């Protein structure tokens, strides 16, 4: 049996940016594993979340999810194959297709939303923590 001689890092000495990056990476890895168990990816969950209020054309969905049309096309292909969405011609414009959640897609989206708090322990339900994250994201997005 080999014993590691590498000491545990003293996280309290790390800069805040590094702590945030490591926390984000660890949360993302856990979240990816949970989603994979549901047949989803991060991108797929974002698309389902965006479609929960009604059908959208692919281009609008891509814009709202802040991805390229090509990325959204691949995401929708996987979601359709899993039975989470359907795509059908738009009655208002036959040149485009509308994507909508299926009942199965709505159910898996709801399961993913319910699974998130357990992923982060108490932090997932902590309103103050969420408020600070939203503030941080808003400020960084605005360039503050």
N, C-alpha and C. Protein backbone atom coordinates (compact mmCIF):
# COMPACT_ATOMS: atom_id res chain seq x y z
N UNK A 1 0.84 -1.17 0.00
CA UNK A 1 0.00 0.00 0.00
C UNK A 1 0.89 1.24 0.00
N UNK A 2 0.60 2.15 -0.92
CA UNK A 2 1.39 3.37 -1.03
C UNK A 2 0.67 4.49 -0.30
N UNK A 3 1.40 5.21 0.50
CA UNK A 3 0.83 6.34 1.23
C UNK A 3 1.32 7.61 0.57
N UNK A 4 0.39 8.50 0.25
CA UNK A 4 0.76 9.77 -0.37
C UNK A 4 1.46 10.66 0.65
N UNK A 5 2.54 11.27 0.21
CA UNK A 5 3.26 12.19 1.09
C UNK A 5 2.94 13.64 0.75
N UNK A 6 2.05 13.84 -0.23
CA UNK A 6 1.67 15.20 -0.60
C UNK A 6 0.71 15.74 0.44
N UNK A 7 1.08 16.86 1.06
CA UNK A 7 0.18 17.41 2.08
C UNK A 7 -1.10 17.96 1.45
N UNK A 8 -2.17 17.94 2.22
CA UNK A 8 -3.43 18.53 1.77
C UNK A 8 -3.21 20.03 1.62
N UNK A 9 -3.76 20.63 0.56
CA UNK A 9 -3.56 22.07 0.40
C UNK A 9 -4.32 22.86 1.47
N UNK A 10 -3.76 23.98 1.83
CA UNK A 10 -4.43 24.88 2.78
C UNK A 10 -5.31 25.81 1.95
N UNK A 11 -6.56 25.42 1.79
CA UNK A 11 -7.49 26.18 0.95
C UNK A 11 -7.68 27.60 1.43
N UNK A 12 -7.48 27.85 2.71
CA UNK A 12 -7.69 29.19 3.25
C UNK A 12 -6.69 30.20 2.68
N UNK A 13 -5.60 29.71 2.07
CA UNK A 13 -4.60 30.61 1.50
C UNK A 13 -4.87 30.91 0.03
N UNK A 14 -5.82 30.22 -0.58
CA UNK A 14 -6.08 30.40 -2.00
C UNK A 14 -6.81 31.72 -2.25
N UNK A 15 -6.52 32.37 -3.38
CA UNK A 15 -7.27 33.57 -3.75
C UNK A 15 -8.74 33.22 -4.02
N UNK A 16 -9.61 34.16 -3.81
CA UNK A 16 -11.05 33.95 -3.99
C UNK A 16 -11.38 33.43 -5.38
N UNK A 17 -10.75 33.97 -6.41
CA UNK A 17 -11.01 33.52 -7.78
C UNK A 17 -10.72 32.05 -7.98
N UNK A 18 -9.64 31.58 -7.37
CA UNK A 18 -9.31 30.16 -7.48
C UNK A 18 -10.34 29.32 -6.74
N UNK A 19 -10.73 29.76 -5.55
CA UNK A 19 -11.76 29.04 -4.79
C UNK A 19 -13.05 28.94 -5.60
N UNK A 20 -13.45 30.05 -6.20
CA UNK A 20 -14.68 30.08 -7.00
C UNK A 20 -14.57 29.14 -8.20
N UNK A 21 -13.42 29.15 -8.86
CA UNK A 21 -13.22 28.28 -10.03
C UNK A 21 -13.27 26.81 -9.64
N UNK A 22 -12.63 26.46 -8.54
CA UNK A 22 -12.63 25.06 -8.10
C UNK A 22 -14.04 24.64 -7.68
N UNK A 23 -14.72 25.51 -6.93
CA UNK A 23 -16.08 25.19 -6.50
C UNK A 23 -16.99 25.00 -7.72
N UNK A 24 -16.85 25.87 -8.71
CA UNK A 24 -17.67 25.76 -9.92
C UNK A 24 -17.38 24.46 -10.66
N UNK A 25 -16.11 24.11 -10.77
CA UNK A 25 -15.74 22.88 -11.47
C UNK A 25 -16.27 21.64 -10.74
N UNK A 26 -16.15 21.63 -9.41
CA UNK A 26 -16.65 20.48 -8.64
C UNK A 26 -18.17 20.37 -8.74
N UNK A 27 -18.86 21.50 -8.65
CA UNK A 27 -20.33 21.48 -8.78
C UNK A 27 -20.73 21.03 -10.18
N UNK A 28 -20.01 21.51 -11.19
CA UNK A 28 -20.33 21.14 -12.57
C UNK A 28 -20.13 19.64 -12.79
N UNK A 29 -19.05 19.08 -12.23
CA UNK A 29 -18.81 17.65 -12.38
C UNK A 29 -19.93 16.83 -11.72
N UNK A 30 -20.33 17.23 -10.54
CA UNK A 30 -21.44 16.52 -9.85
C UNK A 30 -22.72 16.66 -10.65
N UNK A 31 -22.99 17.85 -11.11
CA UNK A 31 -24.22 18.13 -11.84
C UNK A 31 -24.24 17.34 -13.14
N UNK A 32 -23.10 17.27 -13.84
CA UNK A 32 -23.03 16.50 -15.10
C UNK A 32 -23.35 15.04 -14.85
N UNK A 33 -22.86 14.49 -13.74
CA UNK A 33 -23.13 13.08 -13.42
C UNK A 33 -24.62 12.86 -13.13
N UNK A 34 -25.23 13.79 -12.39
CA UNK A 34 -26.67 13.68 -12.08
C UNK A 34 -27.48 13.75 -13.38
N UNK A 35 -27.14 14.73 -14.23
CA UNK A 35 -27.87 14.90 -15.49
C UNK A 35 -27.68 13.70 -16.41
N UNK A 36 -26.48 13.16 -16.46
CA UNK A 36 -26.22 12.00 -17.31
C UNK A 36 -27.12 10.83 -16.91
N UNK A 37 -27.35 10.69 -15.62
CA UNK A 37 -28.25 9.65 -15.13
C UNK A 37 -29.68 9.83 -15.60
N UNK A 38 -30.01 11.05 -16.00
CA UNK A 38 -31.36 11.36 -16.50
C UNK A 38 -31.39 11.40 -18.03
N UNK A 39 -30.23 11.15 -18.65
CA UNK A 39 -30.15 11.22 -20.11
C UNK A 39 -30.01 12.63 -20.63
N UNK A 40 -29.50 13.54 -19.79
CA UNK A 40 -29.36 14.94 -20.16
C UNK A 40 -27.91 15.39 -20.11
N UNK A 41 -27.67 16.53 -20.74
CA UNK A 41 -26.41 17.26 -20.63
C UNK A 41 -26.76 18.65 -20.09
N UNK A 42 -25.72 19.43 -19.76
CA UNK A 42 -25.98 20.81 -19.33
C UNK A 42 -26.76 21.56 -20.41
N UNK A 43 -26.28 21.44 -21.64
CA UNK A 43 -26.92 22.14 -22.75
C UNK A 43 -28.36 21.69 -22.92
N UNK A 44 -28.60 20.40 -22.79
CA UNK A 44 -29.96 19.89 -22.91
C UNK A 44 -30.88 20.43 -21.84
N UNK A 45 -30.38 20.50 -20.61
CA UNK A 45 -31.20 21.04 -19.52
C UNK A 45 -31.53 22.50 -19.76
N UNK A 46 -30.56 23.26 -20.23
CA UNK A 46 -30.80 24.68 -20.51
C UNK A 46 -31.88 24.82 -21.59
N UNK A 47 -31.81 23.98 -22.62
CA UNK A 47 -32.83 24.03 -23.69
C UNK A 47 -34.20 23.66 -23.13
N UNK A 48 -34.28 22.60 -22.33
CA UNK A 48 -35.58 22.21 -21.74
C UNK A 48 -36.11 23.33 -20.87
N UNK A 49 -35.23 23.94 -20.08
CA UNK A 49 -35.65 25.02 -19.19
C UNK A 49 -36.21 26.19 -20.01
N UNK A 50 -35.58 26.48 -21.11
CA UNK A 50 -36.01 27.60 -21.96
C UNK A 50 -37.32 27.28 -22.66
N UNK A 51 -37.56 26.01 -22.95
CA UNK A 51 -38.79 25.60 -23.64
C UNK A 51 -39.98 25.40 -22.71
N UNK A 52 -39.78 25.50 -21.41
CA UNK A 52 -40.86 25.17 -20.46
C UNK A 52 -42.06 26.09 -20.61
N UNK A 53 -41.89 27.29 -21.15
CA UNK A 53 -43.01 28.23 -21.29
C UNK A 53 -43.68 28.15 -22.66
N UNK A 54 -43.17 27.28 -23.52
CA UNK A 54 -43.81 27.13 -24.82
C UNK A 54 -42.81 26.89 -25.93
N UNK A 55 -43.32 26.48 -27.10
CA UNK A 55 -42.45 26.12 -28.22
C UNK A 55 -41.73 27.34 -28.78
N UNK A 56 -40.55 27.08 -29.36
CA UNK A 56 -39.75 28.14 -29.96
C UNK A 56 -39.09 27.61 -31.23
N UNK A 57 -38.82 28.51 -32.19
CA UNK A 57 -38.00 28.12 -33.33
C UNK A 57 -36.56 27.92 -32.86
N UNK A 58 -35.83 27.10 -33.58
CA UNK A 58 -34.46 26.77 -33.19
C UNK A 58 -33.59 28.02 -33.03
N UNK A 59 -33.68 28.95 -33.96
CA UNK A 59 -32.82 30.15 -33.90
C UNK A 59 -33.13 30.96 -32.63
N UNK A 60 -34.39 31.14 -32.30
CA UNK A 60 -34.75 31.88 -31.09
C UNK A 60 -34.27 31.14 -29.84
N UNK A 61 -34.40 29.83 -29.86
CA UNK A 61 -33.94 29.01 -28.74
C UNK A 61 -32.43 29.14 -28.57
N UNK A 62 -31.70 29.09 -29.67
CA UNK A 62 -30.24 29.25 -29.61
C UNK A 62 -29.86 30.61 -29.05
N UNK A 63 -30.55 31.65 -29.50
CA UNK A 63 -30.25 33.00 -29.00
C UNK A 63 -30.52 33.11 -27.50
N UNK A 64 -31.64 32.59 -27.06
CA UNK A 64 -31.98 32.66 -25.63
C UNK A 64 -31.01 31.84 -24.77
N UNK A 65 -30.51 30.75 -25.33
CA UNK A 65 -29.55 29.90 -24.60
C UNK A 65 -28.11 30.38 -24.79
N UNK A 66 -27.93 31.40 -25.62
CA UNK A 66 -26.62 31.99 -25.90
C UNK A 66 -25.63 30.98 -26.48
N UNK A 67 -26.11 30.22 -27.47
CA UNK A 67 -25.25 29.29 -28.20
C UNK A 67 -25.48 29.50 -29.69
N UNK A 68 -24.62 28.90 -30.51
CA UNK A 68 -24.78 29.01 -31.96
C UNK A 68 -25.94 28.13 -32.42
N UNK A 69 -26.42 28.42 -33.62
CA UNK A 69 -27.48 27.59 -34.22
C UNK A 69 -27.00 26.15 -34.37
N UNK A 70 -25.74 25.97 -34.75
CA UNK A 70 -25.19 24.63 -34.95
C UNK A 70 -25.16 23.85 -33.63
N UNK A 71 -24.74 24.50 -32.56
CA UNK A 71 -24.72 23.85 -31.24
C UNK A 71 -26.13 23.48 -30.82
N UNK A 72 -27.07 24.39 -31.03
CA UNK A 72 -28.46 24.10 -30.66
C UNK A 72 -29.01 22.96 -31.49
N UNK A 73 -28.66 22.89 -32.76
CA UNK A 73 -29.14 21.81 -33.62
C UNK A 73 -28.70 20.46 -33.07
N UNK A 74 -27.43 20.34 -32.67
CA UNK A 74 -26.94 19.07 -32.10
C UNK A 74 -27.63 18.75 -30.78
N UNK A 75 -27.83 19.77 -29.96
CA UNK A 75 -28.52 19.57 -28.67
C UNK A 75 -29.94 19.08 -28.90
N UNK A 76 -30.64 19.72 -29.84
CA UNK A 76 -32.03 19.33 -30.12
C UNK A 76 -32.10 17.93 -30.74
N UNK A 77 -31.12 17.58 -31.54
CA UNK A 77 -31.09 16.21 -32.09
C UNK A 77 -31.05 15.18 -30.96
N UNK A 78 -30.17 15.42 -29.96
CA UNK A 78 -30.06 14.49 -28.83
C UNK A 78 -31.35 14.48 -28.00
N UNK A 79 -31.93 15.66 -27.77
CA UNK A 79 -33.16 15.74 -26.98
C UNK A 79 -34.32 15.05 -27.70
N UNK A 80 -34.40 15.22 -29.01
CA UNK A 80 -35.47 14.58 -29.78
C UNK A 80 -35.30 13.06 -29.77
N UNK A 81 -34.05 12.61 -29.92
CA UNK A 81 -33.77 11.17 -29.92
C UNK A 81 -34.16 10.54 -28.57
N UNK A 82 -33.99 11.30 -27.47
CA UNK A 82 -34.35 10.81 -26.14
C UNK A 82 -35.85 10.95 -25.86
N UNK A 83 -36.57 11.62 -26.75
CA UNK A 83 -38.02 11.78 -26.55
C UNK A 83 -38.38 12.94 -25.65
N UNK A 84 -37.44 13.88 -25.44
CA UNK A 84 -37.69 15.02 -24.56
C UNK A 84 -38.32 16.21 -25.29
N UNK A 85 -38.12 16.29 -26.62
CA UNK A 85 -38.70 17.37 -27.42
C UNK A 85 -39.19 16.80 -28.74
N UNK A 86 -40.06 17.57 -29.38
CA UNK A 86 -40.46 17.27 -30.76
C UNK A 86 -40.21 18.53 -31.58
N UNK A 87 -40.03 18.31 -32.87
CA UNK A 87 -39.88 19.44 -33.79
C UNK A 87 -40.89 19.26 -34.92
N UNK A 88 -41.61 20.33 -35.20
CA UNK A 88 -42.63 20.27 -36.25
C UNK A 88 -42.65 21.61 -36.98
N UNK A 89 -43.11 21.60 -38.23
CA UNK A 89 -43.18 22.86 -38.98
C UNK A 89 -44.01 23.91 -38.23
N UNK A 90 -43.56 25.13 -38.32
CA UNK A 90 -44.25 26.27 -37.70
C UNK A 90 -45.45 26.61 -38.59
N UNK A 91 -46.68 26.57 -38.06
CA UNK A 91 -47.84 26.88 -38.89
C UNK A 91 -47.81 28.31 -39.43
N UNK A 92 -47.11 29.21 -38.75
CA UNK A 92 -47.05 30.61 -39.18
C UNK A 92 -45.97 30.84 -40.24
N UNK A 93 -44.99 29.92 -40.34
CA UNK A 93 -43.89 30.08 -41.29
C UNK A 93 -43.32 28.69 -41.58
N UNK A 94 -43.70 28.12 -42.71
CA UNK A 94 -43.32 26.75 -43.05
C UNK A 94 -41.83 26.57 -43.25
N UNK A 95 -41.07 27.68 -43.36
CA UNK A 95 -39.62 27.57 -43.53
C UNK A 95 -38.90 27.21 -42.24
N UNK A 96 -39.57 27.34 -41.12
CA UNK A 96 -38.90 27.03 -39.85
C UNK A 96 -39.71 26.00 -39.07
N UNK A 97 -39.05 25.42 -38.08
CA UNK A 97 -39.66 24.41 -37.22
C UNK A 97 -39.74 24.93 -35.79
N UNK A 98 -40.77 24.52 -35.11
CA UNK A 98 -40.92 24.83 -33.69
C UNK A 98 -40.51 23.61 -32.88
N UNK A 99 -39.80 23.87 -31.82
CA UNK A 99 -39.41 22.81 -30.90
C UNK A 99 -40.25 22.96 -29.65
N UNK A 100 -40.80 21.84 -29.18
CA UNK A 100 -41.61 21.88 -27.95
C UNK A 100 -41.27 20.71 -27.06
N UNK A 101 -41.47 20.94 -25.77
CA UNK A 101 -41.27 19.88 -24.79
C UNK A 101 -42.32 18.80 -24.96
N UNK A 102 -41.93 17.58 -24.79
CA UNK A 102 -42.90 16.49 -24.69
C UNK A 102 -43.25 16.34 -23.20
N UNK A 103 -44.23 15.54 -22.90
CA UNK A 103 -44.57 15.27 -21.49
C UNK A 103 -43.36 14.66 -20.79
N UNK A 104 -42.65 13.77 -21.49
CA UNK A 104 -41.46 13.15 -20.92
C UNK A 104 -40.37 14.21 -20.66
N UNK A 105 -40.22 15.15 -21.59
CA UNK A 105 -39.24 16.22 -21.43
C UNK A 105 -39.57 17.11 -20.25
N UNK A 106 -40.86 17.41 -20.09
CA UNK A 106 -41.28 18.24 -18.94
C UNK A 106 -41.01 17.50 -17.63
N UNK A 107 -41.28 16.20 -17.62
CA UNK A 107 -41.04 15.41 -16.40
C UNK A 107 -39.57 15.36 -16.05
N UNK A 108 -38.70 15.11 -17.04
CA UNK A 108 -37.26 15.03 -16.75
C UNK A 108 -36.73 16.40 -16.35
N UNK A 109 -37.26 17.47 -16.93
CA UNK A 109 -36.85 18.83 -16.51
C UNK A 109 -37.21 19.05 -15.05
N UNK A 110 -38.43 18.69 -14.67
CA UNK A 110 -38.86 18.85 -13.28
C UNK A 110 -38.01 18.01 -12.33
N UNK A 111 -37.64 16.80 -12.75
CA UNK A 111 -36.76 15.96 -11.92
C UNK A 111 -35.40 16.61 -11.73
N UNK A 112 -34.87 17.18 -12.79
CA UNK A 112 -33.57 17.84 -12.70
C UNK A 112 -33.63 19.05 -11.78
N UNK A 113 -34.69 19.82 -11.88
CA UNK A 113 -34.84 21.00 -11.01
C UNK A 113 -34.93 20.57 -9.54
N UNK A 114 -35.67 19.50 -9.29
CA UNK A 114 -35.78 18.99 -7.91
C UNK A 114 -34.46 18.40 -7.40
N UNK A 115 -33.64 17.88 -8.31
CA UNK A 115 -32.37 17.25 -7.90
C UNK A 115 -31.30 18.26 -7.53
N UNK A 116 -31.40 19.47 -8.04
CA UNK A 116 -30.34 20.46 -7.85
C UNK A 116 -30.05 20.80 -6.39
N UNK A 117 -31.04 21.06 -5.54
CA UNK A 117 -30.71 21.41 -4.16
C UNK A 117 -29.90 20.34 -3.43
N UNK A 118 -30.19 19.07 -3.69
CA UNK A 118 -29.44 17.99 -3.03
C UNK A 118 -27.99 17.98 -3.49
N UNK A 119 -27.75 18.39 -4.70
CA UNK A 119 -26.41 18.43 -5.25
C UNK A 119 -25.51 19.37 -4.46
N UNK A 120 -26.06 20.49 -4.05
CA UNK A 120 -25.28 21.50 -3.34
C UNK A 120 -25.50 21.47 -1.84
N UNK A 121 -26.21 20.47 -1.37
CA UNK A 121 -26.52 20.45 0.06
C UNK A 121 -27.43 21.61 0.39
N UNK A 122 -27.24 22.23 1.52
CA UNK A 122 -28.07 23.35 1.95
C UNK A 122 -27.93 24.58 1.08
N UNK A 123 -26.82 24.70 0.35
CA UNK A 123 -26.61 25.90 -0.46
C UNK A 123 -27.64 26.06 -1.56
N UNK A 124 -28.14 24.95 -2.08
CA UNK A 124 -29.10 25.04 -3.17
C UNK A 124 -30.40 25.72 -2.76
N UNK A 125 -30.71 25.72 -1.46
CA UNK A 125 -31.93 26.36 -0.97
C UNK A 125 -31.65 27.67 -0.25
N UNK A 126 -30.40 28.08 -0.20
CA UNK A 126 -29.99 29.26 0.54
C UNK A 126 -30.21 30.52 -0.30
N UNK A 127 -31.24 31.27 0.04
CA UNK A 127 -31.58 32.47 -0.72
C UNK A 127 -30.47 33.51 -0.74
N UNK A 128 -29.78 33.67 0.37
CA UNK A 128 -28.69 34.66 0.43
C UNK A 128 -27.54 34.25 -0.49
N UNK A 129 -27.22 32.96 -0.50
CA UNK A 129 -26.15 32.46 -1.36
C UNK A 129 -26.51 32.69 -2.83
N UNK A 130 -27.75 32.35 -3.19
CA UNK A 130 -28.20 32.57 -4.57
C UNK A 130 -28.17 34.04 -4.94
N UNK A 131 -28.59 34.89 -4.01
CA UNK A 131 -28.59 36.33 -4.28
C UNK A 131 -27.18 36.84 -4.54
N UNK A 132 -26.21 36.35 -3.77
CA UNK A 132 -24.82 36.76 -3.97
C UNK A 132 -24.30 36.27 -5.33
N UNK A 133 -24.64 35.04 -5.68
CA UNK A 133 -24.23 34.52 -6.99
C UNK A 133 -24.84 35.35 -8.12
N UNK A 134 -26.12 35.65 -8.01
CA UNK A 134 -26.78 36.46 -9.04
C UNK A 134 -26.14 37.84 -9.14
N UNK A 135 -25.82 38.42 -8.00
CA UNK A 135 -25.16 39.73 -7.99
C UNK A 135 -23.78 39.64 -8.66
N UNK A 136 -23.02 38.60 -8.33
CA UNK A 136 -21.70 38.42 -8.91
C UNK A 136 -21.78 38.26 -10.42
N UNK A 137 -22.69 37.42 -10.87
CA UNK A 137 -22.84 37.19 -12.31
C UNK A 137 -23.27 38.46 -13.02
N UNK A 138 -24.20 39.19 -12.43
CA UNK A 138 -24.68 40.45 -13.03
C UNK A 138 -23.56 41.46 -13.14
N UNK A 139 -22.78 41.61 -12.07
CA UNK A 139 -21.68 42.57 -12.08
C UNK A 139 -20.59 42.19 -13.06
N UNK A 140 -20.24 40.89 -13.09
CA UNK A 140 -19.20 40.46 -14.02
C UNK A 140 -19.67 40.59 -15.47
N UNK A 141 -20.93 40.34 -15.72
CA UNK A 141 -21.49 40.47 -17.06
C UNK A 141 -21.49 41.93 -17.52
N UNK A 142 -21.70 42.83 -16.56
CA UNK A 142 -21.74 44.27 -16.88
C UNK A 142 -20.33 44.87 -16.96
N UNK A 143 -19.33 44.08 -16.56
CA UNK A 143 -17.96 44.58 -16.62
C UNK A 143 -17.55 45.38 -15.40
N UNK A 144 -18.29 45.27 -14.29
CA UNK A 144 -17.91 46.00 -13.06
C UNK A 144 -16.65 45.45 -12.45
